[in-house]
Amino acid sequence: MRSKLLVSFIILDSFLVGTPAPRQGGVQQHSVHYRRVHHNVHDRYYIRHRTKLQHAKIIGGTALKGASVGGLIGGPPGSAVGAAAGAAAGTAYDLKTRKVKAPR
C-alpha cells in the first residue's frame, strides 16, 4: 500500500516540477499585424453645411410652434415661455444635425 502511495506521489511531483509556474505581473506580448487600407474613390463624401437662412428657419419655426402651444395653455405669459423653450429646442436640434455627410 505504501509503495503505491509513494509511486503516485512521485508521479504527481514529477508532473508539478515539469510545468512552469505562473508569474505575477508578467507582461503578455501581443503580435501586431499591419495591413494596408485601400480607399475606394466612390466611398468618399463631403460635409454639407446649412445656410444661415436655414438655421434661422429651424430655430424660428420651433420658437413659433412653442409660442403657439404655450399661448393655448397659459395665455400671453405662456406664449413667451413657450417661445423660449421652442427656441432652445430648435437650437439644440440645429447643433446636433448641422453636419450632413453626403456622397460625392
PDB file of N, CA and C in Angstrom:
ATOM      1  N   MET A   1       0.813  -1.180   0.000  1.00  0.00           N
ATOM      2  CA  MET A   1       0.000   0.000   0.000  1.00  0.00           C
ATOM      3  C   MET A   1       0.866   1.257   0.000  1.00  0.00           C
ATOM      4  N   ARG A   2       1.941   1.208   0.812  1.00  0.00           N
ATOM      5  CA  ARG A   2       2.835   2.357   0.867  1.00  0.00           C
ATOM      6  C   ARG A   2       3.577   2.545  -0.448  1.00  0.00           C
ATOM      7  N   SER A   3       3.881   1.487  -1.117  1.00  0.00           N
ATOM      8  CA  SER A   3       4.601   1.621  -2.381  1.00  0.00           C
ATOM      9  C   SER A   3       3.717   2.258  -3.450  1.00  0.00           C
ATOM     10  N   LYS A   4       2.427   1.937  -3.477  1.00  0.00           N
ATOM     11  CA  LYS A   4       1.508   2.574  -4.434  1.00  0.00           C
ATOM     12  C   LYS A   4       1.367   4.063  -4.132  1.00  0.00           C
ATOM     13  N   LEU A   5       1.291   4.394  -2.848  1.00  0.00           N
ATOM     14  CA  LEU A   5       1.188   5.791  -2.449  1.00  0.00           C
ATOM     15  C   LEU A   5       2.466   6.552  -2.789  1.00  0.00           C
ATOM     16  N   LEU A   6       3.597   5.925  -2.588  1.00  0.00           N
ATOM     17  CA  LEU A   6       4.878   6.541  -2.906  1.00  0.00           C
ATOM     18  C   LEU A   6       5.022   6.758  -4.410  1.00  0.00           C
ATOM     19  N   VAL A   7       4.598   5.806  -5.202  1.00  0.00           N
ATOM     20  CA  VAL A   7       4.680   5.926  -6.664  1.00  0.00           C
ATOM     21  C   VAL A   7       3.759   7.032  -7.157  1.00  0.00           C
ATOM     22  N   SER A   8       2.558   7.127  -6.588  1.00  0.00           N
ATOM     23  CA  SER A   8       1.638   8.174  -7.028  1.00  0.00           C
ATOM     24  C   SER A   8       2.164   9.565  -6.659  1.00  0.00           C
ATOM     25  N   PHE A   9       2.797   9.706  -5.487  1.00  0.00           N
ATOM     26  CA  PHE A   9       3.390  10.989  -5.125  1.00  0.00           C
ATOM     27  C   PHE A   9       4.565  11.341  -6.028  1.00  0.00           C
ATOM     28  N   ILE A  10       5.339  10.375  -6.422  1.00  0.00           N
ATOM     29  CA  ILE A  10       6.470  10.634  -7.317  1.00  0.00           C
ATOM     30  C   ILE A  10       5.973  11.078  -8.685  1.00  0.00           C
ATOM     31  N   ILE A  11       4.931  10.428  -9.186  1.00  0.00           N
ATOM     32  CA  ILE A  11       4.381  10.801 -10.499  1.00  0.00           C
ATOM     33  C   ILE A  11       3.778  12.209 -10.434  1.00  0.00           C
ATOM     34  N   LEU A  12       3.042  12.472  -9.380  1.00  0.00           N
ATOM     35  CA  LEU A  12       2.443  13.802  -9.217  1.00  0.00           C
ATOM     36  C   LEU A  12       3.508  14.880  -9.062  1.00  0.00           C
ATOM     37  N   ASP A  13       4.550  14.605  -8.312  1.00  0.00           N
ATOM     38  CA  ASP A  13       5.624  15.558  -8.110  1.00  0.00           C
ATOM     39  C   ASP A  13       6.385  15.823  -9.407  1.00  0.00           C
ATOM     40  N   SER A  14       6.596  14.786 -10.201  1.00  0.00           N
ATOM     41  CA  SER A  14       7.300  14.996 -11.471  1.00  0.00           C
ATOM     42  C   SER A  14       6.458  15.830 -12.439  1.00  0.00           C
ATOM     43  N   PHE A  15       5.144  15.672 -12.356  1.00  0.00           N
ATOM     44  CA  PHE A  15       4.276  16.491 -13.200  1.00  0.00           C
ATOM     45  C   PHE A  15       4.322  17.956 -12.765  1.00  0.00           C
ATOM     46  N   LEU A  16       4.288  18.220 -11.471  1.00  0.00           N
ATOM     47  CA  LEU A  16       4.298  19.592 -10.974  1.00  0.00           C
ATOM     48  C   LEU A  16       5.632  20.277 -11.184  1.00  0.00           C
ATOM     49  N   VAL A  17       6.722  19.555 -11.115  1.00  0.00           N
ATOM     50  CA  VAL A  17       8.044  20.138 -11.330  1.00  0.00           C
ATOM     51  C   VAL A  17       8.237  20.462 -12.809  1.00  0.00           C
ATOM     52  N   GLY A  18       7.649  19.687 -13.686  1.00  0.00           N
ATOM     53  CA  GLY A  18       7.843  19.887 -15.126  1.00  0.00           C
ATOM     54  C   GLY A  18       7.065  21.050 -15.692  1.00  0.00           C
ATOM     55  N   THR A  19       6.023  21.528 -15.014  1.00  0.00           N
ATOM     56  CA  THR A  19       5.234  22.635 -15.539  1.00  0.00           C
ATOM     57  C   THR A  19       5.775  23.948 -15.004  1.00  0.00           C
ATOM     58  N   PRO A  20       5.815  25.005 -15.842  1.00  0.00           N
ATOM     59  CA  PRO A  20       6.326  26.291 -15.364  1.00  0.00           C
ATOM     60  C   PRO A  20       5.313  26.964 -14.446  1.00  0.00           C
ATOM     61  N   ALA A  21       5.816  27.646 -13.455  1.00  0.00           N
ATOM     62  CA  ALA A  21       4.963  28.353 -12.500  1.00  0.00           C
ATOM     63  C   ALA A  21       4.489  29.667 -13.119  1.00  0.00           C
ATOM     64  N   PRO A  22       3.243  30.063 -12.864  1.00  0.00           N
ATOM     65  CA  PRO A  22       2.763  31.343 -13.403  1.00  0.00           C
ATOM     66  C   PRO A  22       3.459  32.515 -12.715  1.00  0.00           C
ATOM     67  N   ARG A  23       3.781  33.550 -13.512  1.00  0.00           N
ATOM     68  CA  ARG A  23       4.455  34.720 -12.964  1.00  0.00           C
ATOM     69  C   ARG A  23       3.419  35.782 -12.613  1.00  0.00           C
ATOM     70  N   GLN A  24       3.644  36.470 -11.524  1.00  0.00           N
ATOM     71  CA  GLN A  24       2.769  37.559 -11.122  1.00  0.00           C
ATOM     72  C   GLN A  24       3.193  38.834 -11.846  1.00  0.00           C
ATOM     73  N   GLY A  25       2.258  39.525 -12.471  1.00  0.00           N
ATOM     74  CA  GLY A  25       2.553  40.803 -13.111  1.00  0.00           C
ATOM     75  C   GLY A  25       3.345  40.670 -14.392  1.00  0.00           C
ATOM     76  N   GLY A  26       3.342  39.511 -14.995  1.00  0.00           N
ATOM     77  CA  GLY A  26       4.070  39.333 -16.243  1.00  0.00           C
ATOM     78  C   GLY A  26       3.378  40.058 -17.378  1.00  0.00           C
ATOM     79  N   VAL A  27       4.162  40.566 -18.298  1.00  0.00           N
ATOM     80  CA  VAL A  27       3.616  41.280 -19.435  1.00  0.00           C
ATOM     81  C   VAL A  27       3.387  40.289 -20.562  1.00  0.00           C
ATOM     82  N   GLN A  28       2.174  40.281 -21.056  1.00  0.00           N
ATOM     83  CA  GLN A  28       1.858  39.386 -22.157  1.00  0.00           C
ATOM     84  C   GLN A  28       2.163  40.105 -23.467  1.00  0.00           C
ATOM     85  N   GLN A  29       2.876  39.429 -24.333  1.00  0.00           N
ATOM     86  CA  GLN A  29       3.247  40.038 -25.594  1.00  0.00           C
ATOM     87  C   GLN A  29       2.182  39.752 -26.628  1.00  0.00           C
ATOM     88  N   HIS A  30       1.816  40.786 -27.355  1.00  0.00           N
ATOM     89  CA  HIS A  30       0.834  40.664 -28.421  1.00  0.00           C
ATOM     90  C   HIS A  30       1.541  40.856 -29.750  1.00  0.00           C
ATOM     91  N   SER A  31       1.131  40.099 -30.716  1.00  0.00           N
ATOM     92  CA  SER A  31       1.696  40.296 -32.043  1.00  0.00           C
ATOM     93  C   SER A  31       0.883  41.370 -32.749  1.00  0.00           C
ATOM     94  N   VAL A  32       1.554  42.253 -33.433  1.00  0.00           N
ATOM     95  CA  VAL A  32       0.919  43.358 -34.122  1.00  0.00           C
ATOM     96  C   VAL A  32       0.959  43.075 -35.614  1.00  0.00           C
ATOM     97  N   HIS A  33      -0.200  43.160 -36.232  1.00  0.00           N
ATOM     98  CA  HIS A  33      -0.288  42.935 -37.672  1.00  0.00           C
ATOM     99  C   HIS A  33      -0.673  44.251 -38.336  1.00  0.00           C
ATOM    100  N   TYR A  34       0.050  44.596 -39.356  1.00  0.00           N
ATOM    101  CA  TYR A  34      -0.251  45.794 -40.108  1.00  0.00           C
ATOM    102  C   TYR A  34      -0.828  45.378 -41.453  1.00  0.00           C
ATOM    103  N   ARG A  35      -1.856  46.096 -41.879  1.00  0.00           N
ATOM    104  CA  ARG A  35      -2.414  45.819 -43.195  1.00  0.00           C
ATOM    105  C   ARG A  35      -2.721  47.138 -43.876  1.00  0.00           C
ATOM    106  N   ARG A  36      -2.681  47.112 -45.152  1.00  0.00           N
ATOM    107  CA  ARG A  36      -2.961  48.318 -45.914  1.00  0.00           C
ATOM    108  C   ARG A  36      -4.462  48.487 -46.071  1.00  0.00           C
ATOM    109  N   VAL A  37      -4.879  49.712 -45.990  1.00  0.00           N
ATOM    110  CA  VAL A  37      -6.285  50.024 -46.167  1.00  0.00           C
ATOM    111  C   VAL A  37      -6.428  50.687 -47.521  1.00  0.00           C
ATOM    112  N   HIS A  38      -7.211  50.095 -48.369  1.00  0.00           N
ATOM    113  CA  HIS A  38      -7.437  50.641 -49.702  1.00  0.00           C
ATOM    114  C   HIS A  38      -8.740  51.422 -49.680  1.00  0.00           C
ATOM    115  N   HIS A  39      -8.648  52.691 -50.009  1.00  0.00           N
ATOM    116  CA  HIS A  39      -9.829  53.532 -50.034  1.00  0.00           C
ATOM    117  C   HIS A  39     -10.401  53.540 -51.442  1.00  0.00           C
ATOM    118  N   ASN A  40     -11.668  53.297 -51.499  1.00  0.00           N
ATOM    119  CA  ASN A  40     -12.351  53.338 -52.779  1.00  0.00           C
ATOM    120  C   ASN A  40     -12.744  54.782 -53.065  1.00  0.00           C
ATOM    121  N   VAL A  41     -12.609  55.210 -54.274  1.00  0.00           N
ATOM    122  CA  VAL A  41     -12.912  56.576 -54.650  1.00  0.00           C
ATOM    123  C   VAL A  41     -14.399  56.859 -54.445  1.00  0.00           C
ATOM    124  N   HIS A  42     -15.229  55.858 -54.622  1.00  0.00           N
ATOM    125  CA  HIS A  42     -16.673  56.066 -54.526  1.00  0.00           C
ATOM    126  C   HIS A  42     -17.161  56.148 -53.078  1.00  0.00           C
ATOM    127  N   ASP A  43     -16.330  55.802 -52.111  1.00  0.00           N
ATOM    128  CA  ASP A  43     -16.729  55.855 -50.717  1.00  0.00           C
ATOM    129  C   ASP A  43     -16.486  57.218 -50.075  1.00  0.00           C
ATOM    130  N   ARG A  44     -15.936  58.151 -50.803  1.00  0.00           N
ATOM    131  CA  ARG A  44     -15.637  59.452 -50.233  1.00  0.00           C
ATOM    132  C   ARG A  44     -16.910  60.283 -50.129  1.00  0.00           C
ATOM    133  N   TYR A  45     -16.881  61.249 -49.226  1.00  0.00           N
ATOM    134  CA  TYR A  45     -18.043  62.086 -49.002  1.00  0.00           C
ATOM    135  C   TYR A  45     -17.578  63.484 -48.635  1.00  0.00           C
ATOM    136  N   TYR A  46     -18.498  64.414 -48.656  1.00  0.00           N
ATOM    137  CA  TYR A  46     -18.204  65.759 -48.202  1.00  0.00           C
ATOM    138  C   TYR A  46     -19.285  66.148 -47.197  1.00  0.00           C
ATOM    139  N   ILE A  47     -18.967  67.118 -46.366  1.00  0.00           N
ATOM    140  CA  ILE A  47     -19.906  67.557 -45.340  1.00  0.00           C
ATOM    141  C   ILE A  47     -20.687  68.740 -45.879  1.00  0.00           C
ATOM    142  N   ARG A  48     -21.996  68.552 -45.965  1.00  0.00           N
ATOM    143  CA  ARG A  48     -22.864  69.595 -46.487  1.00  0.00           C
ATOM    144  C   ARG A  48     -23.279  70.509 -45.331  1.00  0.00           C
ATOM    145  N   HIS A  49     -23.110  71.798 -45.517  1.00  0.00           N
ATOM    146  CA  HIS A  49     -23.419  72.770 -44.473  1.00  0.00           C
ATOM    147  C   HIS A  49     -24.731  73.472 -44.777  1.00  0.00           C
ATOM    148  N   ARG A  50     -25.378  73.957 -43.718  1.00  0.00           N
ATOM    149  CA  ARG A  50     -26.608  74.724 -43.880  1.00  0.00           C
ATOM    150  C   ARG A  50     -26.271  76.199 -44.071  1.00  0.00           C
ATOM    151  N   THR A  51     -27.164  76.900 -44.749  1.00  0.00           N
ATOM    152  CA  THR A  51     -27.007  78.352 -44.866  1.00  0.00           C
ATOM    153  C   THR A  51     -27.560  78.998 -43.597  1.00  0.00           C
ATOM    154  N   LYS A  52     -27.280  80.260 -43.410  1.00  0.00           N
ATOM    155  CA  LYS A  52     -27.782  80.969 -42.227  1.00  0.00           C
ATOM    156  C   LYS A  52     -29.300  81.100 -42.267  1.00  0.00           C
ATOM    157  N   LEU A  53     -29.848  81.182 -43.460  1.00  0.00           N
ATOM    158  CA  LEU A  53     -31.296  81.244 -43.574  1.00  0.00           C
ATOM    159  C   LEU A  53     -31.937  79.925 -43.118  1.00  0.00           C
ATOM    160  N   GLN A  54     -31.308  78.816 -43.436  1.00  0.00           N
ATOM    161  CA  GLN A  54     -31.832  77.532 -42.988  1.00  0.00           C
ATOM    162  C   GLN A  54     -31.752  77.409 -41.465  1.00  0.00           C
ATOM    163  N   HIS A  55     -30.651  77.894 -40.864  1.00  0.00           N
ATOM    164  CA  HIS A  55     -30.545  77.896 -39.408  1.00  0.00           C
ATOM    165  C   HIS A  55     -31.674  78.743 -38.797  1.00  0.00           C
ATOM    166  N   ALA A  56     -31.921  79.906 -39.382  1.00  0.00           N
ATOM    167  CA  ALA A  56     -32.963  80.795 -38.857  1.00  0.00           C
ATOM    168  C   ALA A  56     -34.348  80.168 -38.991  1.00  0.00           C
ATOM    169  N   LYS A  57     -34.591  79.463 -40.085  1.00  0.00           N
ATOM    170  CA  LYS A  57     -35.885  78.806 -40.272  1.00  0.00           C
ATOM    171  C   LYS A  57     -36.116  77.710 -39.237  1.00  0.00           C
ATOM    172  N   ILE A  58     -35.077  76.957 -38.923  1.00  0.00           N
ATOM    173  CA  ILE A  58     -35.219  75.882 -37.938  1.00  0.00           C
ATOM    174  C   ILE A  58     -35.509  76.458 -36.556  1.00  0.00           C
ATOM    175  N   ILE A  59     -34.722  77.435 -36.138  1.00  0.00           N
ATOM    176  CA  ILE A  59     -34.886  77.997 -34.801  1.00  0.00           C
ATOM    177  C   ILE A  59     -36.175  78.808 -34.711  1.00  0.00           C
ATOM    178  N   GLY A  60     -36.459  79.599 -35.729  1.00  0.00           N
ATOM    179  CA  GLY A  60     -37.677  80.412 -35.727  1.00  0.00           C
ATOM    180  C   GLY A  60     -38.943  79.571 -35.790  1.00  0.00           C
ATOM    181  N   GLY A  61     -38.920  78.499 -36.545  1.00  0.00           N
ATOM    182  CA  GLY A  61     -40.101  77.633 -36.640  1.00  0.00           C
ATOM    183  C   GLY A  61     -40.413  76.944 -35.334  1.00  0.00           C
ATOM    184  N   THR A  62     -39.393  76.455 -34.649  1.00  0.00           N
ATOM    185  CA  THR A  62     -39.648  75.809 -33.358  1.00  0.00           C
ATOM    186  C   THR A  62     -40.065  76.822 -32.307  1.00  0.00           C
ATOM    187  N   ALA A  63     -39.536  78.042 -32.378  1.00  0.00           N
ATOM    188  CA  ALA A  63     -39.970  79.088 -31.437  1.00  0.00           C
ATOM    189  C   ALA A  63     -41.424  79.462 -31.698  1.00  0.00           C
ATOM    190  N   LEU A  64     -41.830  79.530 -32.951  1.00  0.00           N
ATOM    191  CA  LEU A  64     -43.215  79.856 -33.297  1.00  0.00           C
ATOM    192  C   LEU A  64     -44.174  78.770 -32.808  1.00  0.00           C
ATOM    193  N   LYS A  65     -43.821  77.519 -33.025  1.00  0.00           N
ATOM    194  CA  LYS A  65     -44.661  76.417 -32.556  1.00  0.00           C
ATOM    195  C   LYS A  65     -44.722  76.378 -31.036  1.00  0.00           C
ATOM    196  N   GLY A  66     -43.606  76.645 -30.376  1.00  0.00           N
ATOM    197  CA  GLY A  66     -43.596  76.694 -28.912  1.00  0.00           C
ATOM    198  C   GLY A  66     -44.450  77.823 -28.377  1.00  0.00           C
ATOM    199  N   ALA A  67     -44.418  78.968 -29.053  1.00  0.00           N
ATOM    200  CA  ALA A  67     -45.230  80.108 -28.625  1.00  0.00           C
ATOM    201  C   ALA A  67     -46.711  79.817 -28.812  1.00  0.00           C
ATOM    202  N   SER A  68     -47.064  79.136 -29.894  1.00  0.00           N
ATOM    203  CA  SER A  68     -48.478  78.826 -30.122  1.00  0.00           C
ATOM    204  C   SER A  68     -48.997  77.827 -29.089  1.00  0.00           C
ATOM    205  N   VAL A  69     -48.225  76.811 -28.761  1.00  0.00           N
ATOM    206  CA  VAL A  69     -48.644  75.842 -27.747  1.00  0.00           C
ATOM    207  C   VAL A  69     -48.692  76.499 -26.374  1.00  0.00           C
ATOM    208  N   GLY A  70     -47.683  77.303 -26.042  1.00  0.00           N
ATOM    209  CA  GLY A  70     -47.672  77.997 -24.761  1.00  0.00           C
ATOM    210  C   GLY A  70     -48.810  78.993 -24.644  1.00  0.00           C
ATOM    211  N   GLY A  71     -49.191  79.636 -25.743  1.00  0.00           N
ATOM    212  CA  GLY A  71     -50.310  80.579 -25.735  1.00  0.00           C
ATOM    213  C   GLY A  71     -51.635  79.875 -25.508  1.00  0.00           C
ATOM    214  N   LEU A  72     -51.784  78.689 -26.052  1.00  0.00           N
ATOM    215  CA  LEU A  72     -53.020  77.936 -25.829  1.00  0.00           C
ATOM    216  C   LEU A  72     -53.134  77.474 -24.380  1.00  0.00           C
ATOM    217  N   ILE A  73     -52.013  77.129 -23.787  1.00  0.00           N
ATOM    218  CA  ILE A  73     -52.053  76.595 -22.429  1.00  0.00           C
ATOM    219  C   ILE A  73     -52.087  77.709 -21.383  1.00  0.00           C
ATOM    220  N   GLY A  74     -51.229  78.713 -21.510  1.00  0.00           N
ATOM    221  CA  GLY A  74     -51.081  79.688 -20.427  1.00  0.00           C
ATOM    222  C   GLY A  74     -51.330  81.122 -20.800  1.00  0.00           C
ATOM    223  N   GLY A  75     -51.857  81.413 -21.958  1.00  0.00           N
ATOM    224  CA  GLY A  75     -52.115  82.796 -22.343  1.00  0.00           C
ATOM    225  C   GLY A  75     -50.830  83.497 -22.764  1.00  0.00           C
ATOM    226  N   PRO A  76     -50.815  84.842 -22.674  1.00  0.00           N
ATOM    227  CA  PRO A  76     -49.627  85.599 -23.103  1.00  0.00           C
ATOM    228  C   PRO A  76     -48.343  85.264 -22.348  1.00  0.00           C
ATOM    229  N   PRO A  77     -48.383  85.068 -21.009  1.00  0.00           N
ATOM    230  CA  PRO A  77     -47.117  84.672 -20.353  1.00  0.00           C
ATOM    231  C   PRO A  77     -46.637  83.290 -20.811  1.00  0.00           C
ATOM    232  N   GLY A  78     -47.577  82.391 -21.046  1.00  0.00           N
ATOM    233  CA  GLY A  78     -47.217  81.056 -21.522  1.00  0.00           C
ATOM    234  C   GLY A  78     -46.665  81.089 -22.930  1.00  0.00           C
ATOM    235  N   SER A  79     -47.121  82.067 -23.701  1.00  0.00           N
ATOM    236  CA  SER A  79     -46.620  82.219 -25.066  1.00  0.00           C
ATOM    237  C   SER A  79     -45.136  82.580 -25.051  1.00  0.00           C
ATOM    238  N   ALA A  80     -44.745  83.459 -24.144  1.00  0.00           N
ATOM    239  CA  ALA A  80     -43.335  83.855 -24.050  1.00  0.00           C
ATOM    240  C   ALA A  80     -42.464  82.692 -23.573  1.00  0.00           C
ATOM    241  N   VAL A  81     -42.984  81.958 -22.598  1.00  0.00           N
ATOM    242  CA  VAL A  81     -42.228  80.809 -22.095  1.00  0.00           C
ATOM    243  C   VAL A  81     -42.119  79.732 -23.174  1.00  0.00           C
ATOM    244  N   GLY A  82     -43.207  79.504 -23.900  1.00  0.00           N
ATOM    245  CA  GLY A  82     -43.194  78.510 -24.974  1.00  0.00           C
ATOM    246  C   GLY A  82     -42.251  78.895 -26.102  1.00  0.00           C
ATOM    247  N   ALA A  83     -42.176  80.188 -26.421  1.00  0.00           N
ATOM    248  CA  ALA A  83     -41.262  80.646 -27.465  1.00  0.00           C
ATOM    249  C   ALA A  83     -39.806  80.428 -27.049  1.00  0.00           C
ATOM    250  N   ALA A  84     -39.517  80.702 -25.778  1.00  0.00           N
ATOM    251  CA  ALA A  84     -38.148  80.490 -25.301  1.00  0.00           C
ATOM    252  C   ALA A  84     -37.794  79.009 -25.298  1.00  0.00           C
ATOM    253  N   ALA A  85     -38.728  78.173 -24.871  1.00  0.00           N
ATOM    254  CA  ALA A  85     -38.467  76.730 -24.854  1.00  0.00           C
ATOM    255  C   ALA A  85     -38.330  76.188 -26.276  1.00  0.00           C
ATOM    256  N   GLY A  86     -39.166  76.686 -27.187  1.00  0.00           N
ATOM    257  CA  GLY A  86     -39.071  76.237 -28.577  1.00  0.00           C
ATOM    258  C   GLY A  86     -37.768  76.665 -29.231  1.00  0.00           C
ATOM    259  N   ALA A  87     -37.317  77.880 -28.938  1.00  0.00           N
ATOM    260  CA  ALA A  87     -36.050  78.357 -29.499  1.00  0.00           C
ATOM    261  C   ALA A  87     -34.879  77.547 -28.960  1.00  0.00           C
ATOM    262  N   ALA A  88     -34.937  77.202 -27.682  1.00  0.00           N
ATOM    263  CA  ALA A  88     -33.860  76.385 -27.096  1.00  0.00           C
ATOM    264  C   ALA A  88     -33.839  74.989 -27.718  1.00  0.00           C
ATOM    265  N   ALA A  89     -35.024  74.407 -27.891  1.00  0.00           N
ATOM    266  CA  ALA A  89     -35.083  73.079 -28.506  1.00  0.00           C
ATOM    267  C   ALA A  89     -34.642  73.125 -29.968  1.00  0.00           C
ATOM    268  N   GLY A  90     -35.024  74.192 -30.682  1.00  0.00           N
ATOM    269  CA  GLY A  90     -34.606  74.329 -32.074  1.00  0.00           C
ATOM    270  C   GLY A  90     -33.108  74.513 -32.218  1.00  0.00           C
ATOM    271  N   THR A  91     -32.504  75.259 -31.300  1.00  0.00           N
ATOM    272  CA  THR A  91     -31.056  75.444 -31.320  1.00  0.00           C
ATOM    273  C   THR A  91     -30.332  74.134 -31.046  1.00  0.00           C
ATOM    274  N   ALA A  92     -30.831  73.370 -30.074  1.00  0.00           N
ATOM    275  CA  ALA A  92     -30.215  72.071 -29.766  1.00  0.00           C
ATOM    276  C   ALA A  92     -30.317  71.128 -30.962  1.00  0.00           C
ATOM    277  N   TYR A  93     -31.484  71.110 -31.619  1.00  0.00           N
ATOM    278  CA  TYR A  93     -31.661  70.255 -32.794  1.00  0.00           C
ATOM    279  C   TYR A  93     -30.749  70.711 -33.937  1.00  0.00           C
ATOM    280  N   ASP A  94     -30.648  72.013 -34.119  1.00  0.00           N
ATOM    281  CA  ASP A  94     -29.828  72.554 -35.204  1.00  0.00           C
ATOM    282  C   ASP A  94     -28.353  72.219 -34.992  1.00  0.00           C
ATOM    283  N   LEU A  95     -27.876  72.320 -33.759  1.00  0.00           N
ATOM    284  CA  LEU A  95     -26.476  71.996 -33.491  1.00  0.00           C
ATOM    285  C   LEU A  95     -26.207  70.500 -33.618  1.00  0.00           C
ATOM    286  N   LYS A  96     -27.182  69.687 -33.263  1.00  0.00           N
ATOM    287  CA  LYS A  96     -26.990  68.230 -33.324  1.00  0.00           C
ATOM    288  C   LYS A  96     -26.951  67.731 -34.774  1.00  0.00           C
ATOM    289  N   THR A  97     -27.729  68.344 -35.647  1.00  0.00           N
ATOM    290  CA  THR A  97     -27.864  67.815 -37.015  1.00  0.00           C
ATOM    291  C   THR A  97     -27.272  68.727 -38.074  1.00  0.00           C
ATOM    292  N   ARG A  98     -26.325  69.578 -37.714  1.00  0.00           N
ATOM    293  CA  ARG A  98     -25.861  70.567 -38.696  1.00  0.00           C
ATOM    294  C   ARG A  98     -24.914  69.999 -39.750  1.00  0.00           C
ATOM    295  N   LYS A  99     -24.188  68.934 -39.439  1.00  0.00           N
ATOM    296  CA  LYS A  99     -23.264  68.369 -40.419  1.00  0.00           C
ATOM    297  C   LYS A  99     -23.883  67.127 -41.027  1.00  0.00           C
ATOM    298  N   VAL A 100     -24.034  67.126 -42.334  1.00  0.00           N
ATOM    299  CA  VAL A 100     -24.623  66.002 -43.034  1.00  0.00           C
ATOM    300  C   VAL A 100     -23.582  65.452 -44.003  1.00  0.00           C
ATOM    301  N   LYS A 101     -23.292  64.155 -43.899  1.00  0.00           N
ATOM    302  CA  LYS A 101     -22.348  63.552 -44.828  1.00  0.00           C
ATOM    303  C   LYS A 101     -23.096  63.166 -46.091  1.00  0.00           C
ATOM    304  N   ALA A 102     -22.633  63.685 -47.202  1.00  0.00           N
ATOM    305  CA  ALA A 102     -23.271  63.412 -48.478  1.00  0.00           C
ATOM    306  C   ALA A 102     -22.247  62.812 -49.424  1.00  0.00           C
ATOM    307  N   PRO A 103     -22.618  61.792 -50.176  1.00  0.00           N
ATOM    308  CA  PRO A 103     -21.646  61.196 -51.115  1.00  0.00           C
ATOM    309  C   PRO A 103     -21.342  62.153 -52.250  1.00  0.00           C
ATOM    310  N   ARG A 104     -20.141  62.029 -52.763  1.00  0.00           N
ATOM    311  CA  ARG A 104     -19.747  62.884 -53.884  1.00  0.00           C
ATOM    312  C   ARG A 104     -20.253  62.350 -55.179  1.00  0.00           C
TER     313      ARG A 104
END
